[in-house]
Amino acid sequence: MDYIINTAEENYDIILFEYDNRKWEITIDKNLSDREINLLVIKRIDELTDEFLDKQTYDESDLIVDYTTNKEE
């Protein structure tokens, strides 16, 4: 799985990946292992697949999804 990690944020990382010729992002907790990151990217791809099967488009899908456990108040 190819992805880019943007570590510019203080409390989380942003994972950028491409799926079905579109660019998507997820926010994750810092310092996750490659395996954990891959699982979260796969989880998001599964969600996108389900959304596409339901609506026949990605136009209503969120471009960024938050998978962090430490939500900022």
Protein backbone atom coordinates (compact mmCIF):
# COMPACT_ATOMS: atom_id res chain seq x y z
CA MET A 1 0.00 0.00 0.00
CA ASP A 2 1.48 3.35 -1.01
CA TYR A 3 0.80 6.34 1.18
CA ILE A 4 2.46 9.52 2.39
CA ILE A 5 2.67 10.55 6.03
CA ASN A 6 2.41 14.26 6.78
CA THR A 7 3.82 14.74 10.28
CA ALA A 8 3.46 18.51 10.44
CA GLU A 9 0.64 18.38 12.99
CA GLU A 10 1.46 18.23 16.68
CA ASN A 11 -1.03 15.64 18.00
CA TYR A 12 -1.67 13.47 14.95
CA ASP A 13 -0.38 12.41 11.56
CA ILE A 14 -2.16 12.77 8.25
CA ILE A 15 -2.01 9.84 5.84
CA LEU A 16 -2.45 10.71 2.18
CA PHE A 17 -3.28 7.94 -0.27
CA GLU A 18 -4.76 7.44 -3.69
CA TYR A 19 -7.65 5.12 -4.41
CA ASP A 20 -9.68 4.82 -7.61
CA ASN A 21 -7.82 7.80 -9.14
CA ARG A 22 -8.80 10.11 -6.27
CA LYS A 23 -6.80 11.41 -3.36
CA TRP A 24 -7.97 10.69 0.20
CA GLU A 25 -6.75 11.48 3.70
CA ILE A 26 -7.11 9.97 7.14
CA THR A 27 -5.89 11.38 10.42
CA ILE A 28 -4.30 8.91 12.81
CA ASP A 29 -2.53 8.84 16.15
CA LYS A 30 1.18 9.56 16.03
CA ASN A 31 3.74 6.76 15.98
CA LEU A 32 1.57 3.94 14.68
CA SER A 33 3.39 1.02 13.10
CA ASP A 34 3.35 0.43 9.35
CA ARG A 35 1.01 -2.49 9.92
CA GLU A 36 -1.45 -0.33 11.90
CA ILE A 37 -1.34 2.39 9.24
CA ASN A 38 -1.98 -0.15 6.48
CA LEU A 39 -4.95 -1.56 8.38
CA LEU A 40 -6.49 1.91 8.75
CA VAL A 41 -5.95 2.70 5.07
CA ILE A 42 -7.58 -0.63 4.16
CA LYS A 43 -10.45 0.15 6.54
CA ARG A 44 -11.02 3.48 4.78
CA ILE A 45 -10.87 1.84 1.35
CA ASP A 46 -13.47 -0.69 2.52
CA GLU A 47 -15.69 2.17 3.67
CA LEU A 48 -15.25 3.95 0.34
CA THR A 49 -16.10 0.77 -1.53
CA ASP A 50 -19.28 0.37 0.50
CA GLU A 51 -20.24 4.01 -0.09
CA PHE A 52 -19.64 3.64 -3.81
CA LEU A 53 -21.71 0.47 -4.01
CA ASP A 54 -24.52 2.23 -2.18
CA LYS A 55 -24.47 5.58 -4.03
CA GLN A 56 -22.63 4.75 -7.29
CA THR A 57 -20.38 7.80 -6.75
CA TYR A 58 -17.70 9.15 -4.42
CA ASP A 59 -19.06 12.69 -4.65
CA GLU A 60 -20.70 12.48 -1.22
CA SER A 61 -17.78 10.68 0.44
CA ASP A 62 -15.64 12.53 2.97
CA LEU A 63 -12.19 13.35 1.66
CA ILE A 64 -10.76 13.31 5.20
CA VAL A 65 -11.72 10.84 7.94
CA ASP A 66 -10.50 11.04 11.54
CA TYR A 67 -9.26 7.80 13.11
CA THR A 68 -7.49 9.38 16.07
CA THR A 69 -8.29 8.19 19.58
CA ASN A 70 -7.24 11.44 21.27
CA LYS A 71 -9.79 13.97 20.07
CA GLU A 72 -8.93 17.59 20.70
CA GLU A 73 -11.45 19.51 22.77
